[in-house]
Structures are given as structure tokens and as C-alpha cells.
């Protein structure tokens, strides 16, 4: 089983998400960065992962769920930020 990881760029106006594979030799990028809410990052990541036949359905679902959690955290942080002022 491979170890998939979400790579995150946490920005003020968007969040960048990419998927890497952790191997004994280091990280291998599996996808490009996709920026949400600028584009449909989750859909684009799902599409790219579906093209990799060696990624199991369980791995794909798990990593995409992690992406949703990160997106929700980013969105919540924006609400908190705006209420501070």
C-alpha cells in the first residue's frame, strides 16, 4: 500500500491542494496544485487520482476526505478572521 499525502498551500484568498506519494526514497508528486475556491480542486484531484489505476478506491476516498477536511478548516478560518475586525 502506498502512502498518499495532501500537500497544502494555505493562502489568504485560496487554498492550494496537491497529492504526493511518500516512498522510502522521498515524496513523489502525483498531481498538480489546484486552488480552491478559484476552481473545482476536489473534482480535479478526484479525476487525477482515478486515472492512477494503482490507487485503491479506499486510498482515493481517504485522501479526498482529507482534502475536504482541509478545505472546511480553511473556510472556517476565513469566517473567524473576518469576525476579528
PDB file of N, CA and C in Angstrom:
ATOM      1  N   UNK A   1       0.838  -1.182   0.000  1.00  0.00           N
ATOM      2  CA  UNK A   1       0.000   0.000   0.000  1.00  0.00           C
ATOM      3  C   UNK A   1       0.880   1.241   0.000  1.00  0.00           C
ATOM      4  N   UNK A   2       0.520   2.226  -0.799  1.00  0.00           N
ATOM      5  CA  UNK A   2       1.268   3.478  -0.854  1.00  0.00           C
ATOM      6  C   UNK A   2       0.775   4.418   0.244  1.00  0.00           C
ATOM      7  N   UNK A   3       1.576   5.410   0.492  1.00  0.00           N
ATOM      8  CA  UNK A   3       1.188   6.418   1.459  1.00  0.00           C
ATOM      9  C   UNK A   3       0.950   7.714   0.708  1.00  0.00           C
ATOM     10  N   UNK A   4      -0.303   8.100   0.603  1.00  0.00           N
ATOM     11  CA  UNK A   4      -0.656   9.339  -0.077  1.00  0.00           C
ATOM     12  C   UNK A   4      -0.763  10.457   0.950  1.00  0.00           C
ATOM     13  N   UNK A   5      -0.313  11.637   0.552  1.00  0.00           N
ATOM     14  CA  UNK A   5      -0.350  12.790   1.429  1.00  0.00           C
ATOM     15  C   UNK A   5      -0.892  13.996   0.681  1.00  0.00           C
ATOM     16  N   UNK A   6      -1.617  14.834   1.416  1.00  0.00           N
ATOM     17  CA  UNK A   6      -2.097  16.091   0.853  1.00  0.00           C
ATOM     18  C   UNK A   6      -1.028  17.149   1.110  1.00  0.00           C
ATOM     19  N   UNK A   7      -0.634  17.836   0.073  1.00  0.00           N
ATOM     20  CA  UNK A   7       0.281  18.970   0.180  1.00  0.00           C
ATOM     21  C   UNK A   7      -0.593  20.222   0.106  1.00  0.00           C
ATOM     22  N   UNK A   8      -0.431  21.131   1.060  1.00  0.00           N
ATOM     23  CA  UNK A   8      -1.326  22.281   1.181  1.00  0.00           C
ATOM     24  C   UNK A   8      -0.550  23.592   1.090  1.00  0.00           C
ATOM     25  N   UNK A   9      -1.068  24.521   0.285  1.00  0.00           N
ATOM     26  CA  UNK A   9      -0.626  25.909   0.287  1.00  0.00           C
ATOM     27  C   UNK A   9      -1.772  26.726   0.869  1.00  0.00           C
ATOM     28  N   UNK A  10      -1.611  27.216   2.085  1.00  0.00           N
ATOM     29  CA  UNK A  10      -2.662  27.941   2.814  1.00  0.00           C
ATOM     30  C   UNK A  10      -2.461  29.424   2.545  1.00  0.00           C
ATOM     31  N   UNK A  11      -3.278  29.988   1.683  1.00  0.00           N
ATOM     32  CA  UNK A  11      -3.157  31.389   1.285  1.00  0.00           C
ATOM     33  C   UNK A  11      -4.331  32.199   1.810  1.00  0.00           C
ATOM     34  N   UNK A  12      -4.238  33.521   1.714  1.00  0.00           N
ATOM     35  CA  UNK A  12      -5.329  34.379   2.194  1.00  0.00           C
ATOM     36  C   UNK A  12      -6.594  34.262   1.367  1.00  0.00           C
ATOM     37  N   UNK A  13      -6.455  34.163   0.051  1.00  0.00           N
ATOM     38  CA  UNK A  13      -7.630  34.178  -0.819  1.00  0.00           C
ATOM     39  C   UNK A  13      -8.005  32.820  -1.383  1.00  0.00           C
ATOM     40  N   UNK A  14      -7.156  31.828  -1.190  1.00  0.00           N
ATOM     41  CA  UNK A  14      -7.442  30.482  -1.699  1.00  0.00           C
ATOM     42  C   UNK A  14      -6.566  29.477  -0.961  1.00  0.00           C
ATOM     43  N   UNK A  15      -6.826  28.226  -1.245  1.00  0.00           N
ATOM     44  CA  UNK A  15      -6.009  27.146  -0.687  1.00  0.00           C
ATOM     45  C   UNK A  15      -5.607  26.234  -1.841  1.00  0.00           C
ATOM     46  N   UNK A  16      -4.316  25.933  -1.910  1.00  0.00           N
ATOM     47  CA  UNK A  16      -3.802  25.052  -2.951  1.00  0.00           C
ATOM     48  C   UNK A  16      -3.669  23.635  -2.414  1.00  0.00           C
ATOM     49  N   UNK A  17      -4.150  22.669  -3.172  1.00  0.00           N
ATOM     50  CA  UNK A  17      -4.098  21.263  -2.762  1.00  0.00           C
ATOM     51  C   UNK A  17      -3.438  20.429  -3.855  1.00  0.00           C
ATOM     52  N   UNK A  18      -2.527  19.565  -3.446  1.00  0.00           N
ATOM     53  CA  UNK A  18      -1.881  18.614  -4.353  1.00  0.00           C
ATOM     54  C   UNK A  18      -1.708  17.308  -3.600  1.00  0.00           C
ATOM     55  N   UNK A  19      -1.555  16.218  -4.328  1.00  0.00           N
ATOM     56  CA  UNK A  19      -1.372  14.903  -3.717  1.00  0.00           C
ATOM     57  C   UNK A  19       0.035  14.405  -4.040  1.00  0.00           C
ATOM     58  N   UNK A  20       0.728  13.943  -3.006  1.00  0.00           N
ATOM     59  CA  UNK A  20       2.049  13.331  -3.142  1.00  0.00           C
ATOM     60  C   UNK A  20       1.976  11.893  -2.664  1.00  0.00           C
ATOM     61  N   UNK A  21       2.917  11.097  -3.142  1.00  0.00           N
ATOM     62  CA  UNK A  21       3.091   9.737  -2.635  1.00  0.00           C
ATOM     63  C   UNK A  21       4.394   9.706  -1.855  1.00  0.00           C
ATOM     64  N   UNK A  22       4.335   9.257  -0.621  1.00  0.00           N
ATOM     65  CA  UNK A  22       5.533   9.116   0.204  1.00  0.00           C
ATOM     66  C   UNK A  22       6.124   7.732  -0.032  1.00  0.00           C
ATOM     67  N   UNK A  23       7.381   7.689  -0.431  1.00  0.00           N
ATOM     68  CA  UNK A  23       8.084   6.416  -0.630  1.00  0.00           C
ATOM     69  C   UNK A  23       9.333   6.422   0.241  1.00  0.00           C
ATOM     70  N   UNK A  24      10.030   5.309   0.250  1.00  0.00           N
ATOM     71  CA  UNK A  24      11.281   5.229   1.004  1.00  0.00           C
ATOM     72  C   UNK A  24      12.316   6.212   0.466  1.00  0.00           C
ATOM     73  N   UNK A  25      12.212   6.553  -0.811  1.00  0.00           N
ATOM     74  CA  UNK A  25      13.152   7.482  -1.431  1.00  0.00           C
ATOM     75  C   UNK A  25      12.742   8.941  -1.263  1.00  0.00           C
ATOM     76  N   UNK A  26      11.536   9.209  -0.804  1.00  0.00           N
ATOM     77  CA  UNK A  26      11.060  10.579  -0.636  1.00  0.00           C
ATOM     78  C   UNK A  26       9.664  10.755  -1.216  1.00  0.00           C
ATOM     79  N   UNK A  27       9.303  12.012  -1.408  1.00  0.00           N
ATOM     80  CA  UNK A  27       7.974  12.332  -1.930  1.00  0.00           C
ATOM     81  C   UNK A  27       7.982  12.376  -3.448  1.00  0.00           C
ATOM     82  N   UNK A  28       6.911  11.826  -4.034  1.00  0.00           N
ATOM     83  CA  UNK A  28       6.705  11.864  -5.477  1.00  0.00           C
ATOM     84  C   UNK A  28       5.406  12.618  -5.725  1.00  0.00           C
ATOM     85  N   UNK A  29       5.441  13.731  -6.465  1.00  0.00           N
ATOM     86  CA  UNK A  29       4.200  14.455  -6.761  1.00  0.00           C
ATOM     87  C   UNK A  29       3.316  13.621  -7.696  1.00  0.00           C
ATOM     88  N   UNK A  30       2.054  13.446  -7.306  1.00  0.00           N
ATOM     89  CA  UNK A  30       1.103  12.706  -8.146  1.00  0.00           C
ATOM     90  C   UNK A  30       0.184  13.633  -8.916  1.00  0.00           C
ATOM     91  N   UNK A  31      -0.062  14.837  -8.372  1.00  0.00           N
ATOM     92  CA  UNK A  31      -0.957  15.781  -9.030  1.00  0.00           C
ATOM     93  C   UNK A  31      -0.328  17.165  -9.016  1.00  0.00           C
ATOM     94  N   UNK A  32      -0.876  18.021  -9.827  1.00  0.00           N
ATOM     95  CA  UNK A  32      -0.540  19.437  -9.777  1.00  0.00           C
ATOM     96  C   UNK A  32      -1.272  20.055  -8.593  1.00  0.00           C
ATOM     97  N   UNK A  33      -0.939  21.302  -8.284  1.00  0.00           N
ATOM     98  CA  UNK A  33      -1.720  22.044  -7.300  1.00  0.00           C
ATOM     99  C   UNK A  33      -2.992  22.551  -7.957  1.00  0.00           C
ATOM    100  N   UNK A  34      -4.085  22.441  -7.221  1.00  0.00           N
ATOM    101  CA  UNK A  34      -5.354  23.016  -7.645  1.00  0.00           C
ATOM    102  C   UNK A  34      -5.818  23.938  -6.531  1.00  0.00           C
ATOM    103  N   UNK A  35      -6.304  25.101  -6.928  1.00  0.00           N
ATOM    104  CA  UNK A  35      -6.640  26.132  -5.954  1.00  0.00           C
ATOM    105  C   UNK A  35      -8.142  26.290  -5.810  1.00  0.00           C
ATOM    106  N   UNK A  36      -8.567  26.200  -4.559  1.00  0.00           N
ATOM    107  CA  UNK A  36      -9.976  26.328  -4.215  1.00  0.00           C
ATOM    108  C   UNK A  36     -10.142  27.589  -3.403  1.00  0.00           C
ATOM    109  N   UNK A  37     -11.142  28.394  -3.577  1.00  0.00           N
ATOM    110  CA  UNK A  37     -12.343  28.221  -4.388  1.00  0.00           C
ATOM    111  C   UNK A  37     -12.221  28.736  -5.821  1.00  0.00           C
ATOM    112  N   UNK A  38     -11.005  29.021  -6.277  1.00  0.00           N
ATOM    113  CA  UNK A  38     -10.814  29.530  -7.637  1.00  0.00           C
ATOM    114  C   UNK A  38     -11.314  28.528  -8.675  1.00  0.00           C
ATOM    115  N   UNK A  39     -11.031  27.256  -8.452  1.00  0.00           N
ATOM    116  CA  UNK A  39     -11.535  26.218  -9.358  1.00  0.00           C
ATOM    117  C   UNK A  39     -12.030  25.029  -8.534  1.00  0.00           C
ATOM    118  N   UNK A  40     -12.494  24.046  -9.192  1.00  0.00           N
ATOM    119  CA  UNK A  40     -13.051  22.857  -8.532  1.00  0.00           C
ATOM    120  C   UNK A  40     -11.927  21.897  -8.153  1.00  0.00           C
ATOM    121  N   UNK A  41     -11.157  22.267  -7.150  1.00  0.00           N
ATOM    122  CA  UNK A  41      -9.968  21.497  -6.768  1.00  0.00           C
ATOM    123  C   UNK A  41     -10.301  20.052  -6.443  1.00  0.00           C
ATOM    124  N   UNK A  42     -11.361  19.824  -5.680  1.00  0.00           N
ATOM    125  CA  UNK A  42     -11.701  18.459  -5.276  1.00  0.00           C
ATOM    126  C   UNK A  42     -11.993  17.595  -6.503  1.00  0.00           C
ATOM    127  N   UNK A  43     -12.765  18.121  -7.429  1.00  0.00           N
ATOM    128  CA  UNK A  43     -13.111  17.370  -8.648  1.00  0.00           C
ATOM    129  C   UNK A  43     -11.864  17.082  -9.482  1.00  0.00           C
ATOM    130  N   UNK A  44     -10.982  18.051  -9.595  1.00  0.00           N
ATOM    131  CA  UNK A  44      -9.778  17.852 -10.383  1.00  0.00           C
ATOM    132  C   UNK A  44      -8.857  16.814  -9.740  1.00  0.00           C
ATOM    133  N   UNK A  45      -8.740  16.853  -8.413  1.00  0.00           N
ATOM    134  CA  UNK A  45      -7.925  15.858  -7.719  1.00  0.00           C
ATOM    135  C   UNK A  45      -8.535  14.462  -7.863  1.00  0.00           C
ATOM    136  N   UNK A  46      -9.857  14.384  -7.730  1.00  0.00           N
ATOM    137  CA  UNK A  46     -10.546  13.091  -7.894  1.00  0.00           C
ATOM    138  C   UNK A  46     -10.273  12.519  -9.286  1.00  0.00           C
ATOM    139  N   UNK A  47     -10.397  13.356 -10.289  1.00  0.00           N
ATOM    140  CA  UNK A  47     -10.177  12.917 -11.667  1.00  0.00           C
ATOM    141  C   UNK A  47      -8.754  12.396 -11.851  1.00  0.00           C
ATOM    142  N   UNK A  48      -7.767  13.144 -11.354  1.00  0.00           N
ATOM    143  CA  UNK A  48      -6.374  12.702 -11.499  1.00  0.00           C
ATOM    144  C   UNK A  48      -6.116  11.392 -10.764  1.00  0.00           C
ATOM    145  N   UNK A  49      -6.678  11.246  -9.554  1.00  0.00           N
ATOM    146  CA  UNK A  49      -6.465  10.006  -8.808  1.00  0.00           C
ATOM    147  C   UNK A  49      -7.144   8.816  -9.480  1.00  0.00           C
ATOM    148  N   UNK A  50      -8.302   9.035 -10.103  1.00  0.00           N
ATOM    149  CA  UNK A  50      -8.979   7.947 -10.820  1.00  0.00           C
ATOM    150  C   UNK A  50      -8.172   7.466 -12.007  1.00  0.00           C
ATOM    151  N   UNK A  51      -7.330   8.324 -12.558  1.00  0.00           N
ATOM    152  CA  UNK A  51      -6.501   7.938 -13.703  1.00  0.00           C
ATOM    153  C   UNK A  51      -5.319   7.057 -13.279  1.00  0.00           C
ATOM    154  N   UNK A  52      -5.046   7.007 -12.001  1.00  0.00           N
ATOM    155  CA  UNK A  52      -3.944   6.182 -11.485  1.00  0.00           C
ATOM    156  C   UNK A  52      -4.534   4.870 -10.979  1.00  0.00           C
ATOM    157  N   UNK A  53      -4.497   3.856 -11.823  1.00  0.00           N
ATOM    158  CA  UNK A  53      -5.177   2.589 -11.527  1.00  0.00           C
ATOM    159  C   UNK A  53      -4.620   1.890 -10.292  1.00  0.00           C
ATOM    160  N   UNK A  54      -3.411   2.187  -9.898  1.00  0.00           N
ATOM    161  CA  UNK A  54      -2.806   1.536  -8.742  1.00  0.00           C
ATOM    162  C   UNK A  54      -3.283   2.126  -7.411  1.00  0.00           C
ATOM    163  N   UNK A  55      -3.948   3.287  -7.455  1.00  0.00           N
ATOM    164  CA  UNK A  55      -4.511   3.873  -6.230  1.00  0.00           C
ATOM    165  C   UNK A  55      -5.842   3.187  -5.961  1.00  0.00           C
ATOM    166  N   UNK A  56      -5.963   2.567  -4.792  1.00  0.00           N
ATOM    167  CA  UNK A  56      -7.197   1.848  -4.479  1.00  0.00           C
ATOM    168  C   UNK A  56      -8.337   2.823  -4.212  1.00  0.00           C
ATOM    169  N   UNK A  57      -9.546   2.314  -4.303  1.00  0.00           N
ATOM    170  CA  UNK A  57     -10.734   3.130  -4.021  1.00  0.00           C
ATOM    171  C   UNK A  57     -10.669   3.653  -2.590  1.00  0.00           C
ATOM    172  N   UNK A  58     -10.252   2.810  -1.665  1.00  0.00           N
ATOM    173  CA  UNK A  58     -10.170   3.217  -0.258  1.00  0.00           C
ATOM    174  C   UNK A  58      -9.158   4.346  -0.066  1.00  0.00           C
ATOM    175  N   UNK A  59      -7.994   4.228  -0.718  1.00  0.00           N
ATOM    176  CA  UNK A  59      -6.982   5.284  -0.622  1.00  0.00           C
ATOM    177  C   UNK A  59      -7.506   6.586  -1.223  1.00  0.00           C
ATOM    178  N   UNK A  60      -8.152   6.470  -2.371  1.00  0.00           N
ATOM    179  CA  UNK A  60      -8.694   7.658  -3.041  1.00  0.00           C
ATOM    180  C   UNK A  60      -9.732   8.334  -2.164  1.00  0.00           C
ATOM    181  N   UNK A  61     -10.654   7.552  -1.603  1.00  0.00           N
ATOM    182  CA  UNK A  61     -11.689   8.124  -0.740  1.00  0.00           C
ATOM    183  C   UNK A  61     -11.085   8.774   0.496  1.00  0.00           C
ATOM    184  N   UNK A  62     -10.106   8.130   1.080  1.00  0.00           N
ATOM    185  CA  UNK A  62      -9.473   8.658   2.288  1.00  0.00           C
ATOM    186  C   UNK A  62      -8.772   9.988   2.018  1.00  0.00           C
ATOM    187  N   UNK A  63      -8.003  10.052   0.946  1.00  0.00           N
ATOM    188  CA  UNK A  63      -7.253  11.276   0.661  1.00  0.00           C
ATOM    189  C   UNK A  63      -8.183  12.400   0.232  1.00  0.00           C
ATOM    190  N   UNK A  64      -9.248  12.079  -0.491  1.00  0.00           N
ATOM    191  CA  UNK A  64     -10.208  13.110  -0.881  1.00  0.00           C
ATOM    192  C   UNK A  64     -10.994  13.609   0.329  1.00  0.00           C
ATOM    193  N   UNK A  65     -11.285  12.732   1.273  1.00  0.00           N
ATOM    194  CA  UNK A  65     -11.936  13.169   2.514  1.00  0.00           C
ATOM    195  C   UNK A  65     -11.020  14.102   3.298  1.00  0.00           C
ATOM    196  N   UNK A  66      -9.736  13.812   3.289  1.00  0.00           N
ATOM    197  CA  UNK A  66      -8.770  14.695   3.946  1.00  0.00           C
ATOM    198  C   UNK A  66      -8.765  16.063   3.271  1.00  0.00           C
ATOM    199  N   UNK A  67      -8.843  16.080   1.953  1.00  0.00           N
ATOM    200  CA  UNK A  67      -8.910  17.354   1.223  1.00  0.00           C
ATOM    201  C   UNK A  67     -10.132  18.159   1.645  1.00  0.00           C
ATOM    202  N   UNK A  68     -11.270  17.504   1.784  1.00  0.00           N
ATOM    203  CA  UNK A  68     -12.496  18.184   2.207  1.00  0.00           C
ATOM    204  C   UNK A  68     -12.318  18.756   3.613  1.00  0.00           C
ATOM    205  N   UNK A  69     -11.702  18.003   4.502  1.00  0.00           N
ATOM    206  CA  UNK A  69     -11.467  18.491   5.855  1.00  0.00           C
ATOM    207  C   UNK A  69     -10.584  19.741   5.845  1.00  0.00           C
ATOM    208  N   UNK A  70      -9.537  19.732   5.043  1.00  0.00           N
ATOM    209  CA  UNK A  70      -8.647  20.893   4.950  1.00  0.00           C
ATOM    210  C   UNK A  70      -9.394  22.084   4.363  1.00  0.00           C
ATOM    211  N   UNK A  71     -10.186  21.848   3.331  1.00  0.00           N
ATOM    212  CA  UNK A  71     -10.967  22.923   2.727  1.00  0.00           C
ATOM    213  C   UNK A  71     -11.939  23.520   3.741  1.00  0.00           C
ATOM    214  N   UNK A  72     -12.584  22.674   4.517  1.00  0.00           N
ATOM    215  CA  UNK A  72     -13.520  23.157   5.541  1.00  0.00           C
ATOM    216  C   UNK A  72     -12.785  23.958   6.613  1.00  0.00           C
ATOM    217  N   UNK A  73     -11.610  23.504   7.029  1.00  0.00           N
ATOM    218  CA  UNK A  73     -10.829  24.237   8.024  1.00  0.00           C
ATOM    219  C   UNK A  73     -10.427  25.609   7.495  1.00  0.00           C
ATOM    220  N   UNK A  74     -10.009  25.656   6.233  1.00  0.00           N
ATOM    221  CA  UNK A  74      -9.627  26.928   5.631  1.00  0.00           C
ATOM    222  C   UNK A  74     -10.825  27.874   5.593  1.00  0.00           C
ATOM    223  N   UNK A  75     -11.975  27.342   5.182  1.00  0.00           N
ATOM    224  CA  UNK A  75     -13.181  28.163   5.096  1.00  0.00           C
ATOM    225  C   UNK A  75     -13.588  28.687   6.478  1.00  0.00           C
ATOM    226  N   UNK A  76     -13.502  27.844   7.493  1.00  0.00           N
ATOM    227  CA  UNK A  76     -13.817  28.265   8.856  1.00  0.00           C
ATOM    228  C   UNK A  76     -12.836  29.325   9.349  1.00  0.00           C
ATOM    229  N   UNK A  77     -11.577  29.187   8.996  1.00  0.00           N
ATOM    230  CA  UNK A  77     -10.583  30.169   9.427  1.00  0.00           C
ATOM    231  C   UNK A  77     -10.867  31.534   8.803  1.00  0.00           C
ATOM    232  N   UNK A  78     -11.419  31.545   7.607  1.00  0.00           N
ATOM    233  CA  UNK A  78     -11.763  32.811   6.953  1.00  0.00           C
ATOM    234  C   UNK A  78     -12.911  33.485   7.697  1.00  0.00           C
ATOM    235  N   UNK A  79     -13.886  32.719   8.164  1.00  0.00           N
ATOM    236  CA  UNK A  79     -15.001  33.285   8.934  1.00  0.00           C
ATOM    237  C   UNK A  79     -14.484  33.885  10.236  1.00  0.00           C
ATOM    238  N   UNK A  80     -13.617  33.167  10.917  1.00  0.00           N
ATOM    239  CA  UNK A  80     -13.050  33.643  12.178  1.00  0.00           C
ATOM    240  C   UNK A  80     -12.238  34.905  11.929  1.00  0.00           C
ATOM    241  N   UNK A  81     -11.475  34.908  10.852  1.00  0.00           N
ATOM    242  CA  UNK A  81     -10.641  36.063  10.524  1.00  0.00           C
ATOM    243  C   UNK A  81     -11.488  37.311  10.323  1.00  0.00           C
ATOM    244  N   UNK A  82     -12.573  37.205   9.561  1.00  0.00           N
ATOM    245  CA  UNK A  82     -13.396  38.361   9.274  1.00  0.00           C
ATOM    246  C   UNK A  82     -14.114  38.884  10.509  1.00  0.00           C
ATOM    247  N   UNK A  83     -14.407  38.021  11.460  1.00  0.00           N
ATOM    248  CA  UNK A  83     -15.104  38.467  12.665  1.00  0.00           C
ATOM    249  C   UNK A  83     -14.163  39.153  13.652  1.00  0.00           C
ATOM    250  N   UNK A  84     -12.875  39.045  13.475  1.00  0.00           N
ATOM    251  CA  UNK A  84     -11.926  39.680  14.389  1.00  0.00           C
ATOM    252  C   UNK A  84     -11.938  41.191  14.249  1.00  0.00           C
ATOM    253  N   UNK A  85     -12.295  41.709  13.093  1.00  0.00           N
ATOM    254  CA  UNK A  85     -12.201  43.149  12.855  1.00  0.00           C
ATOM    255  C   UNK A  85     -13.498  43.842  13.041  1.00  0.00           C
TER     256      UNK A  85
END
